[in-house]
C-alpha atoms as a PDB file:
ATOM      1  CA  MET A   1      -5.843   4.254  -5.098  1.00  0.00           C
ATOM      2  CA  LEU A   2      -9.529   4.746  -4.924  1.00  0.00           C
ATOM      3  CA  LEU A   3      -9.333   7.847  -7.060  1.00  0.00           C
ATOM      4  CA  THR A   4     -12.788   8.367  -8.741  1.00  0.00           C
ATOM      5  CA  VAL A   5     -12.736   8.535 -12.389  1.00  0.00           C
ATOM      6  CA  SER A   6     -14.813  11.468 -13.547  1.00  0.00           C
ATOM      7  CA  PRO A   7     -17.161  11.039 -16.494  1.00  0.00           C
ATOM      8  CA  SER A   8     -15.111  13.554 -18.765  1.00  0.00           C
ATOM      9  CA  VAL A   9     -11.849  11.384 -18.329  1.00  0.00           C
ATOM     10  CA  GLN A  10     -13.719   8.017 -18.980  1.00  0.00           C
ATOM     11  CA  ALA A  11     -14.911   9.485 -22.181  1.00  0.00           C
ATOM     12  CA  ALA A  12     -11.500  10.309 -23.326  1.00  0.00           C
ATOM     13  CA  SER A  13     -10.093   7.022 -22.229  1.00  0.00           C
ATOM     14  CA  GLU A  14      -9.478   4.055 -24.727  1.00  0.00           C
ATOM     15  CA  ILE A  15     -10.515   0.767 -23.020  1.00  0.00           C
ATOM     16  CA  LEU A  16      -7.705  -1.567 -23.750  1.00  0.00           C
ATOM     17  CA  HIS A  17      -9.334  -4.579 -21.757  1.00  0.00           C
ATOM     18  CA  GLU A  18     -12.239  -5.726 -19.577  1.00  0.00           C
ATOM     19  CA  GLU A  19     -12.711  -8.773 -17.633  1.00  0.00           C
ATOM     20  CA  LYS A  20     -14.791  -9.880 -14.705  1.00  0.00           C
ATOM     21  CA  SER A  21     -12.806 -11.612 -12.168  1.00  0.00           C
ATOM     22  CA  LEU A  22     -13.695 -13.665  -9.328  1.00  0.00           C
ATOM     23  CA  TYR A  23     -13.482 -10.605  -7.175  1.00  0.00           C
ATOM     24  CA  ARG A  24     -14.400  -7.476  -9.201  1.00  0.00           C
ATOM     25  CA  ASN A  25     -14.703  -5.962 -12.448  1.00  0.00           C
ATOM     26  CA  ILE A  26     -11.159  -5.174 -14.018  1.00  0.00           C
ATOM     27  CA  VAL A  27     -10.699  -2.424 -16.597  1.00  0.00           C
ATOM     28  CA  VAL A  28      -7.320  -1.067 -18.344  1.00  0.00           C
ATOM     29  CA  LYS A  29      -7.921   2.389 -19.700  1.00  0.00           C
ATOM     30  CA  GLN A  30      -5.401   4.681 -21.270  1.00  0.00           C
ATOM     31  CA  SER A  31      -5.823   8.474 -21.683  1.00  0.00           C
ATOM     32  CA  ASN A  32      -2.977   9.950 -23.710  1.00  0.00           C
ATOM     33  CA  HIS A  33       0.184   8.365 -22.281  1.00  0.00           C
ATOM     34  CA  ARG A  34      -1.223   7.597 -18.911  1.00  0.00           C
ATOM     35  CA  ARG A  35      -2.457   3.741 -18.620  1.00  0.00           C
ATOM     36  CA  CYS A  36      -4.358   2.798 -15.683  1.00  0.00           C
ATOM     37  CA  LEU A  37      -5.666  -0.086 -13.962  1.00  0.00           C
ATOM     38  CA  VAL A  38      -9.186   0.117 -12.800  1.00  0.00           C
ATOM     39  CA  PHE A  39     -11.595  -1.508 -10.664  1.00  0.00           C
ATOM     40  CA  SER A  40     -15.225  -0.829 -11.436  1.00  0.00           C
ATOM     41  CA  VAL A  41     -17.296  -1.222  -8.207  1.00  0.00           C
ATOM     42  CA  ARG A  42     -20.966  -0.241  -7.256  1.00  0.00           C
ATOM     43  CA  ARG A  43     -19.985   3.186  -6.315  1.00  0.00           C
ATOM     44  CA  ALA A  44     -17.615   4.349  -8.772  1.00  0.00           C
ATOM     45  CA  ASP A  45     -14.756   3.341 -11.280  1.00  0.00           C
ATOM     46  CA  SER A  46     -11.294   3.498  -9.047  1.00  0.00           C
ATOM     47  CA  ASN A  47      -7.932   3.833 -10.441  1.00  0.00           C
ATOM     48  CA  GLN A  48      -5.624   1.131  -8.602  1.00  0.00           C
ATOM     49  CA  SER A  49      -2.447   1.912 -10.507  1.00  0.00           C
ATOM     50  CA  CYS A  50      -1.330   4.128 -13.398  1.00  0.00           C
ATOM     51  CA  MET A  51       1.672   4.362 -15.210  1.00  0.00           C
ATOM     52  CA  ASP A  52       3.197   6.735 -17.814  1.00  0.00           C
ATOM     53  CA  VAL A  53       3.889   4.619 -20.850  1.00  0.00           C
ATOM     54  CA  ARG A  54       6.884   6.817 -22.377  1.00  0.00           C
ATOM     55  CA  PHE A  55       8.379   6.786 -18.512  1.00  0.00           C
ATOM     56  CA  PRO A  56       7.414   3.495 -17.151  1.00  0.00           C
ATOM     57  CA  GLU A  57      10.119   3.930 -14.174  1.00  0.00           C
ATOM     58  CA  LEU A  58       8.224   7.221 -12.907  1.00  0.00           C
ATOM     59  CA  VAL A  59       5.719   6.509  -9.875  1.00  0.00           C
ATOM     60  CA  VAL A  60       2.627   8.227 -11.020  1.00  0.00           C
ATOM     61  CA  PHE A  61       0.427   7.969  -7.806  1.00  0.00           C
ATOM     62  CA  PRO A  62       1.165  10.417  -4.789  1.00  0.00           C
ATOM     63  CA  TYR A  63       0.350   7.666  -2.553  1.00  0.00           C
ATOM     64  CA  VAL A  64       3.024   5.180  -3.809  1.00  0.00           C
ATOM     65  CA  LYS A  65       5.652   7.750  -3.674  1.00  0.00           C
ATOM     66  CA  MET A  66       4.355   8.151  -0.010  1.00  0.00           C
ATOM     67  CA  VAL A  67       5.018   4.430   0.720  1.00  0.00           C
ATOM     68  CA  PHE A  68       8.804   5.146   0.237  1.00  0.00           C
ATOM     69  CA  ALA A  69       8.808   7.072   3.459  1.00  0.00           C
ATOM     70  CA  GLY A  70       8.664   3.872   5.165  1.00  0.00           C
ATOM     71  CA  LEU A  71      12.281   3.079   4.200  1.00  0.00           C
ATOM     72  CA  LEU A  72      13.496   5.892   6.118  1.00  0.00           C
ATOM     73  CA  VAL A  73      12.503   3.874   9.337  1.00  0.00           C
ATOM     74  CA  HIS A  74      14.423   0.798   7.702  1.00  0.00           C
ATOM     75  CA  PRO A  75      16.792   1.949   4.879  1.00  0.00           C
ATOM     76  CA  ASN A  76      18.249  -1.219   3.890  1.00  0.00           C
ATOM     77  CA  PRO A  77      15.679  -4.079   3.753  1.00  0.00           C
ATOM     78  CA  GLU A  78      16.856  -7.757   2.902  1.00  0.00           C
ATOM     79  CA  ARG A  79      13.221  -9.111   3.041  1.00  0.00           C
ATOM     80  CA  ILE A  80      10.412  -7.552   1.765  1.00  0.00           C
ATOM     81  CA  LEU A  81       6.742  -8.551   1.680  1.00  0.00           C
ATOM     82  CA  ILE A  82       4.110  -6.667  -0.378  1.00  0.00           C
ATOM     83  CA  VAL A  83       0.486  -7.186   0.193  1.00  0.00           C
ATOM     84  CA  GLY A  84      -1.560  -6.383  -3.200  1.00  0.00           C
ATOM     85  CA  LEU A  85       0.094  -6.158  -6.528  1.00  0.00           C
ATOM     86  CA  GLY A  86      -2.012  -3.627  -8.466  1.00  0.00           C
ATOM     87  CA  GLY A  87       0.204  -2.659 -11.654  1.00  0.00           C
ATOM     88  CA  GLY A  88       3.153  -3.926 -10.170  1.00  0.00           C
ATOM     89  CA  THR A  89       4.633  -0.331  -9.255  1.00  0.00           C
ATOM     90  CA  ILE A  90       5.709  -0.945  -5.779  1.00  0.00           C
ATOM     91  CA  PRO A  91       7.513  -4.591  -6.445  1.00  0.00           C
ATOM     92  CA  ASP A  92       9.153  -2.734  -9.491  1.00  0.00           C
ATOM     93  CA  ALA A  93      10.261   0.284  -7.589  1.00  0.00           C
ATOM     94  CA  PHE A  94      11.435  -1.968  -4.693  1.00  0.00           C
ATOM     95  CA  GLU A  95      13.414  -4.252  -6.950  1.00  0.00           C
ATOM     96  CA  THR A  96      15.268  -1.361  -8.599  1.00  0.00           C
ATOM     97  CA  LEU A  97      16.143   0.059  -5.022  1.00  0.00           C
ATOM     98  CA  TYR A  98      17.049  -3.280  -3.646  1.00  0.00           C
ATOM     99  CA  PRO A  99      18.217  -5.936  -6.448  1.00  0.00           C
ATOM    100  CA  ASP A 100      19.686  -8.159  -3.777  1.00  0.00           C
ATOM    101  CA  ALA A 101      16.510  -8.194  -1.556  1.00  0.00           C
ATOM    102  CA  SER A 102      14.054 -11.335  -1.362  1.00  0.00           C
ATOM    103  CA  ILE A 103      10.600  -9.634  -2.176  1.00  0.00           C
ATOM    104  CA  ASP A 104       7.420 -11.921  -1.827  1.00  0.00           C
ATOM    105  CA  VAL A 105       4.156 -10.270  -3.409  1.00  0.00           C
ATOM    106  CA  VAL A 106       0.852 -11.796  -2.409  1.00  0.00           C
ATOM    107  CA  GLU A 107      -2.235 -10.984  -4.433  1.00  0.00           C
ATOM    108  CA  ILE A 108      -5.549 -12.724  -4.140  1.00  0.00           C
ATOM    109  CA  ASP A 109      -6.816 -12.019  -7.645  1.00  0.00           C
ATOM    110  CA  GLY A 110      -5.003 -13.920 -10.353  1.00  0.00           C
ATOM    111  CA  ALA A 111      -6.687 -11.746 -13.033  1.00  0.00           C
ATOM    112  CA  VAL A 112      -4.881  -8.758 -11.753  1.00  0.00           C
ATOM    113  CA  ASP A 113      -1.662 -10.508 -11.905  1.00  0.00           C
ATOM    114  CA  ARG A 114      -2.330 -11.631 -15.332  1.00  0.00           C
ATOM    115  CA  VAL A 115      -3.261  -7.907 -16.110  1.00  0.00           C
ATOM    116  CA  ALA A 116      -0.150  -6.469 -14.439  1.00  0.00           C
ATOM    117  CA  ARG A 117       1.762  -8.810 -16.650  1.00  0.00           C
ATOM    118  CA  ALA A 118       0.139  -8.250 -19.962  1.00  0.00           C
ATOM    119  CA  PHE A 119      -0.567  -4.420 -19.767  1.00  0.00           C
ATOM    120  CA  PHE A 120       1.898  -2.810 -17.146  1.00  0.00           C
ATOM    121  CA  ASP A 121       4.829  -4.558 -18.160  1.00  0.00           C
ATOM    122  CA  TYR A 122       5.155  -6.267 -15.024  1.00  0.00           C
ATOM    123  CA  LYS A 123       7.792  -9.083 -14.565  1.00  0.00           C
ATOM    124  CA  GLU A 124       9.177 -10.129 -11.302  1.00  0.00           C
ATOM    125  CA  GLY A 125      12.848 -10.255 -10.954  1.00  0.00           C
ATOM    126  CA  PRO A 126      15.146 -13.376  -9.767  1.00  0.00           C
ATOM    127  CA  ASN A 127      14.629 -12.680  -6.282  1.00  0.00           C
ATOM    128  CA  THR A 128      10.815 -11.962  -6.446  1.00  0.00           C
ATOM    129  CA  THR A 129       7.919 -14.227  -5.906  1.00  0.00           C
ATOM    130  CA  VAL A 130       4.261 -13.941  -6.626  1.00  0.00           C
ATOM    131  CA  ALA A 131       1.775 -15.798  -4.846  1.00  0.00           C
ATOM    132  CA  ILE A 132      -1.831 -15.611  -5.540  1.00  0.00           C
ATOM    133  CA  ALA A 133      -3.787 -16.186  -2.217  1.00  0.00           C
ATOM    134  CA  ASP A 134      -5.511 -14.448   0.499  1.00  0.00           C
ATOM    135  CA  ALA A 135      -3.007 -12.254   2.322  1.00  0.00           C
ATOM    136  CA  ARG A 136      -4.407 -13.389   5.564  1.00  0.00           C
ATOM    137  CA  VAL A 137      -3.838 -16.988   5.029  1.00  0.00           C
ATOM    138  CA  TYR A 138      -0.548 -16.366   3.562  1.00  0.00           C
ATOM    139  CA  ILE A 139       0.691 -14.330   6.437  1.00  0.00           C
ATOM    140  CA  ARG A 140      -0.391 -16.900   8.778  1.00  0.00           C
ATOM    141  CA  ARG A 141       1.395 -19.569   6.681  1.00  0.00           C
ATOM    142  CA  ALA A 142       4.363 -17.512   6.675  1.00  0.00           C
ATOM    143  CA  SER A 143       4.412 -17.190  10.398  1.00  0.00           C
ATOM    144  CA  LEU A 144       4.304 -21.137  10.948  1.00  0.00           C
ATOM    145  CA  ARG A 145       7.185 -21.363   8.312  1.00  0.00           C
ATOM    146  CA  GLY A 146       9.110 -18.952  10.545  1.00  0.00           C
ATOM    147  CA  LYS A 147       9.422 -16.176   7.681  1.00  0.00           C
ATOM    148  CA  ARG A 148      10.154 -12.628   8.968  1.00  0.00           C
ATOM    149  CA  TYR A 149      10.312  -9.535   6.807  1.00  0.00           C
ATOM    150  CA  ASP A 150      12.091  -6.060   7.442  1.00  0.00           C
ATOM    151  CA  VAL A 151       9.478  -4.354   5.514  1.00  0.00           C
ATOM    152  CA  ILE A 152       5.767  -5.210   5.117  1.00  0.00           C
ATOM    153  CA  VAL A 153       3.795  -3.266   2.619  1.00  0.00           C
ATOM    154  CA  LEU A 154       0.104  -3.488   3.106  1.00  0.00           C
ATOM    155  CA  ASP A 155      -1.748  -2.097  -0.163  1.00  0.00           C
ATOM    156  CA  ALA A 156      -4.700  -4.345  -0.760  1.00  0.00           C
ATOM    157  CA  PHE A 157      -7.821  -2.829  -2.034  1.00  0.00           C
ATOM    158  CA  THR A 158     -11.216  -4.155  -3.246  1.00  0.00           C
ATOM    159  CA  GLY A 159     -11.902  -0.904  -5.051  1.00  0.00           C
ATOM    160  CA  ASP A 160     -14.332   0.285  -2.433  1.00  0.00           C
ATOM    161  CA  TYR A 161     -11.861   0.075   0.619  1.00  0.00           C
ATOM    162  CA  ILE A 162      -9.373  -2.045   2.080  1.00  0.00           C
ATOM    163  CA  PRO A 163     -10.597  -5.568   2.870  1.00  0.00           C
ATOM    164  CA  GLU A 164     -12.490  -5.871   6.279  1.00  0.00           C
ATOM    165  CA  HIS A 165     -10.256  -8.835   7.240  1.00  0.00           C
ATOM    166  CA  LEU A 166      -7.169  -7.127   6.706  1.00  0.00           C
ATOM    167  CA  MET A 167      -8.065  -4.211   9.070  1.00  0.00           C
ATOM    168  CA  THR A 168      -8.610  -5.766  12.184  1.00  0.00           C
ATOM    169  CA  LEU A 169      -6.301  -6.100  15.331  1.00  0.00           C
ATOM    170  CA  GLU A 170      -6.033  -9.679  15.069  1.00  0.00           C
ATOM    171  CA  PHE A 171      -4.603  -9.101  11.397  1.00  0.00           C
ATOM    172  CA  LEU A 172      -2.460  -6.524  12.411  1.00  0.00           C
ATOM    173  CA  GLU A 173      -0.768  -8.541  15.266  1.00  0.00           C
ATOM    174  CA  GLU A 174      -0.233 -11.595  12.771  1.00  0.00           C
ATOM    175  CA  THR A 175       1.475  -9.324  10.435  1.00  0.00           C
ATOM    176  CA  ALA A 176       3.380  -7.704  13.352  1.00  0.00           C
ATOM    177  CA  ALA A 177       4.742 -10.950  14.383  1.00  0.00           C
ATOM    178  CA  LEU A 178       6.339 -11.545  10.861  1.00  0.00           C
ATOM    179  CA  LEU A 179       8.547  -8.558  11.505  1.00  0.00           C
ATOM    180  CA  THR A 180      12.145  -8.779  12.122  1.00  0.00           C
ATOM    181  CA  PRO A 181      13.277  -7.083  15.432  1.00  0.00           C
ATOM    182  CA  GLU A 182      13.691  -3.664  13.432  1.00  0.00           C
ATOM    183  CA  GLY A 183      10.996  -4.212  10.929  1.00  0.00           C
ATOM    184  CA  VAL A 184       8.309  -1.825   9.914  1.00  0.00           C
ATOM    185  CA  VAL A 185       4.861  -2.175   8.245  1.00  0.00           C
ATOM    186  CA  VAL A 186       3.960   0.632   5.826  1.00  0.00           C
ATOM    187  CA  ALA A 187       0.230   0.625   5.108  1.00  0.00           C
ATOM    188  CA  ASN A 188      -1.734   2.648   2.576  1.00  0.00           C
ATOM    189  CA  THR A 189      -4.993   4.170   4.051  1.00  0.00           C
ATOM    190  CA  PHE A 190      -7.051   7.332   3.594  1.00  0.00           C
ATOM    191  CA  SER A 191      -7.597  10.564   5.852  1.00  0.00           C
ATOM    192  CA  SER A 192     -11.214  10.753   4.453  1.00  0.00           C
ATOM    193  CA  SER A 193     -12.490   7.516   5.405  1.00  0.00           C
ATOM    194  CA  ARG A 194     -15.387   6.998   7.629  1.00  0.00           C
ATOM    195  CA  LEU A 195     -13.334   4.486   9.534  1.00  0.00           C
ATOM    196  CA  TYR A 196     -10.324   7.122  10.176  1.00  0.00           C
ATOM    197  CA  HIS A 197     -10.648   6.878  13.948  1.00  0.00           C
ATOM    198  CA  HIS A 198     -11.311   3.213  14.298  1.00  0.00           C
ATOM    199  CA  GLU A 199      -8.407   2.498  11.864  1.00  0.00           C
ATOM    200  CA  SER A 200      -6.160   4.729  13.908  1.00  0.00           C
ATOM    201  CA  GLN A 201      -7.027   3.242  17.347  1.00  0.00           C
ATOM    202  CA  THR A 202      -6.336  -0.287  15.751  1.00  0.00           C
ATOM    203  CA  TYR A 203      -2.862   0.507  14.651  1.00  0.00           C
ATOM    204  CA  ALA A 204      -2.262   2.402  17.969  1.00  0.00           C
ATOM    205  CA  LYS A 205      -3.469  -1.033  19.654  1.00  0.00           C
ATOM    206  CA  ALA A 206      -1.180  -3.233  17.702  1.00  0.00           C
ATOM    207  CA  PHE A 207       1.967  -0.824  17.469  1.00  0.00           C
ATOM    208  CA  GLY A 208       1.826   2.040  20.253  1.00  0.00           C
ATOM    209  CA  LYS A 209       3.039   5.005  18.358  1.00  0.00           C
ATOM    210  CA  PHE A 210       3.025   5.108  14.602  1.00  0.00           C
ATOM    211  CA  TYR A 211       3.988   7.601  11.960  1.00  0.00           C
ATOM    212  CA  ASN A 212       0.558   8.987  10.690  1.00  0.00           C
ATOM    213  CA  PHE A 213       1.897  10.464   7.294  1.00  0.00           C
ATOM    214  CA  ARG A 214      -0.330  12.866   5.484  1.00  0.00           C
ATOM    215  CA  MET A 215       0.920  15.399   2.640  1.00  0.00           C
ATOM    216  CA  PRO A 216      -0.930  18.321   1.231  1.00  0.00           C
ATOM    217  CA  GLY A 217      -3.028  17.820  -1.837  1.00  0.00           C
ATOM    218  CA  THR A 218      -3.869  14.133  -1.198  1.00  0.00           C
ATOM    219  CA  LEU A 219      -6.573  12.131   0.750  1.00  0.00           C
ATOM    220  CA  ASN A 220      -4.286   9.270   1.292  1.00  0.00           C
ATOM    221  CA  ARG A 221      -2.442   8.581   4.540  1.00  0.00           C
ATOM    222  CA  VAL A 222       0.133   6.200   4.984  1.00  0.00           C
ATOM    223  CA  VAL A 223       0.724   4.528   8.327  1.00  0.00           C
ATOM    224  CA  ILE A 224       4.362   3.538   9.209  1.00  0.00           C
ATOM    225  CA  ALA A 225       4.496   1.291  12.316  1.00  0.00           C
ATOM    226  CA  THR A 226       7.310  -0.286  14.108  1.00  0.00           C
ATOM    227  CA  ARG A 227       7.557  -1.968  17.638  1.00  0.00           C
ATOM    228  CA  HIS A 228      11.093  -1.004  18.300  1.00  0.00           C
ATOM    229  CA  GLY A 229      11.244   2.749  18.229  1.00  0.00           C
ATOM    230  CA  TYR A 230      11.485   5.777  15.732  1.00  0.00           C
ATOM    231  CA  PRO A 231      14.644   7.440  14.070  1.00  0.00           C
ATOM    232  CA  SER A 232      15.357  10.761  15.684  1.00  0.00           C
ATOM    233  CA  ARG A 233      14.079  13.977  12.989  1.00  0.00           C
ATOM    234  CA  GLU A 234      17.922  14.390  12.573  1.00  0.00           C
ATOM    235  CA  ALA A 235      18.449  10.722  11.374  1.00  0.00           C
ATOM    236  CA  LEU A 236      15.292  10.681   9.058  1.00  0.00           C
ATOM    237  CA  ALA A 237      16.637  13.693   7.350  1.00  0.00           C
ATOM    238  CA  ARG A 238      20.210  12.126   6.893  1.00  0.00           C
ATOM    239  CA  ARG A 239      18.308   8.959   5.372  1.00  0.00           C
ATOM    240  CA  ALA A 240      16.396  10.977   3.146  1.00  0.00           C
ATOM    241  CA  ALA A 241      19.344  12.814   1.675  1.00  0.00           C
ATOM    242  CA  ASP A 242      21.040   9.551   1.207  1.00  0.00           C
ATOM    243  CA  MET A 243      18.107   8.082  -0.588  1.00  0.00           C
ATOM    244  CA  GLN A 244      17.119  10.956  -2.535  1.00  0.00           C
ATOM    245  CA  PRO A 245      19.389  10.563  -5.581  1.00  0.00           C
ATOM    246  CA  ARG A 246      18.424   6.713  -5.862  1.00  0.00           C
ATOM    247  CA  VAL A 247      14.409   7.746  -5.936  1.00  0.00           C
ATOM    248  CA  ARG A 248      14.621  10.920  -8.030  1.00  0.00           C
ATOM    249  CA  ALA A 249      14.447   9.136 -11.288  1.00  0.00           C
ATOM    250  CA  MET A 250      10.999   7.739  -9.927  1.00  0.00           C
ATOM    251  CA  GLY A 251       9.614  11.176  -9.337  1.00  0.00           C
ATOM    252  CA  VAL A 252       9.846  10.809  -5.553  1.00  0.00           C
ATOM    253  CA  GLU A 253      11.051  13.834  -3.667  1.00  0.00           C
ATOM    254  CA  ILE A 254      11.679  11.661  -0.401  1.00  0.00           C
ATOM    255  CA  GLU A 255      13.460  14.555   1.356  1.00  0.00           C
ATOM    256  CA  ARG A 256       9.959  16.581   1.335  1.00  0.00           C
ATOM    257  CA  TYR A 257       8.555  13.879   3.550  1.00  0.00           C
ATOM    258  CA  VAL A 258      10.184  14.176   6.707  1.00  0.00           C
ATOM    259  CA  ARG A 259       8.571  17.022   7.983  1.00  0.00           C
ATOM    260  CA  TYR A 260       5.108  15.450   7.630  1.00  0.00           C
ATOM    261  CA  LEU A 261       6.096  12.441   9.514  1.00  0.00           C
ATOM    262  CA  SER A 262       4.032  12.582  12.724  1.00  0.00           C
ATOM    263  CA  LEU A 263       3.766  10.767  16.021  1.00  0.00           C
ATOM    264  CA  ASP A 264       1.103  13.138  17.037  1.00  0.00           C
ATOM    265  CA  VAL A 265      -2.701  11.443  17.872  1.00  0.00           C
ATOM    266  CA  ASP A 266      -5.016  13.479  15.744  1.00  0.00           C
ATOM    267  CA  TRP A 267      -7.606  10.922  15.978  1.00  0.00           C
ATOM    268  CA  ASP A 268     -10.599  10.572  18.552  1.00  0.00           C
ATOM    269  CA  THR A 269      -9.369   7.884  20.977  1.00  0.00           C
ATOM    270  CA  THR A 270     -12.842   7.115  22.537  1.00  0.00           C
ATOM    271  CA  HIS A 271     -13.571   5.366  19.287  1.00  0.00           C
ATOM    272  CA  ARG A 272     -13.157   1.187  19.478  1.00  0.00           C
ATOM    273  CA  HIS A 273     -10.591  -0.318  17.456  1.00  0.00           C
ATOM    274  CA  LEU A 274     -11.731  -2.960  14.916  1.00  0.00           C
ATOM    275  CA  THR A 275     -11.558  -6.517  15.536  1.00  0.00           C
ATOM    276  CA  ASP A 276     -12.985  -9.971  13.648  1.00  0.00           C
ATOM    277  CA  GLN A 277     -15.881  -9.486  15.852  1.00  0.00           C
ATOM    278  CA  TYR A 278     -16.205  -5.641  15.721  1.00  0.00           C
ATOM    279  CA  SER A 279     -15.476  -5.115  11.831  1.00  0.00           C
ATOM    280  CA  PRO A 280     -15.639  -2.361   9.446  1.00  0.00           C
ATOM    281  CA  ALA A 281     -19.274  -3.869   7.945  1.00  0.00           C
ATOM    282  CA  ASN A 282     -20.610  -3.612  11.424  1.00  0.00           C
ATOM    283  CA  LEU A 283     -19.497  -0.116  11.955  1.00  0.00           C
ATOM    284  CA  LEU A 284     -20.848   1.215   8.478  1.00  0.00           C
ATOM    285  CA  GLN A 285     -24.450  -0.591   9.198  1.00  0.00           C
ATOM    286  CA  GLU A 286     -24.373   1.365  12.725  1.00  0.00           C
ATOM    287  CA  ALA A 287     -23.742   4.583  10.931  1.00  0.00           C
ATOM    288  CA  ARG A 288     -26.842   4.174   8.756  1.00  0.00           C
END
């Protein structure tokens, strides 16, 4: 996500659909065999999801492939929550891997849901529900209903970045409260973000240690966080070897990921963590 589309790529792309939703401008573009969901924002257009129309089962974006690493911490989830639908890539992949799992998807923008179905062949399976709601409100209500999840994927983006109310300590604590005892949160963020140190401090405040997963050749990073402890390197390698045959057809080389799962602190711990009162908007204003 948040991959800038260069003018040359835009010129070569066919626009299949455009609409202005309550939250953003949504465009569907296709160049050769790649079809992308694009959020048009102030600074640039950003691809939120792409598919190869010849091989829809393939996962196109590196960051989506990286999300699979969270399954090495909890390899057999029965209940999954996905925040952010995009083109439906992650729900589709998880339904394929775990056909008996109960999957809840929450997406704030009904237009994104409609576009995913119309242009990216998304259709939820029998054990999947899609709710059109703000994730923070949804998570609070889910907690009141006593719902718990083995895996929670945080993949919500506005086009500029993660919605700021989904980056704070209060939100992460609310999310952590929805986890089963061995549950794991898997969050897509960026290593290049101006908020990197603050984000990292916030996850550390909420979870203590976490896997800071970064791969060569991409600016994405995936945070993998749990409150019950982490598998040994040997256990991770065994789980990756077991899972590799199941994800290879999706283009995911999960065995490669084990070496990059790090619990090391690589951020400045003097930075403040984010809260509902000390938000990303405040920080960016201070930086000007």
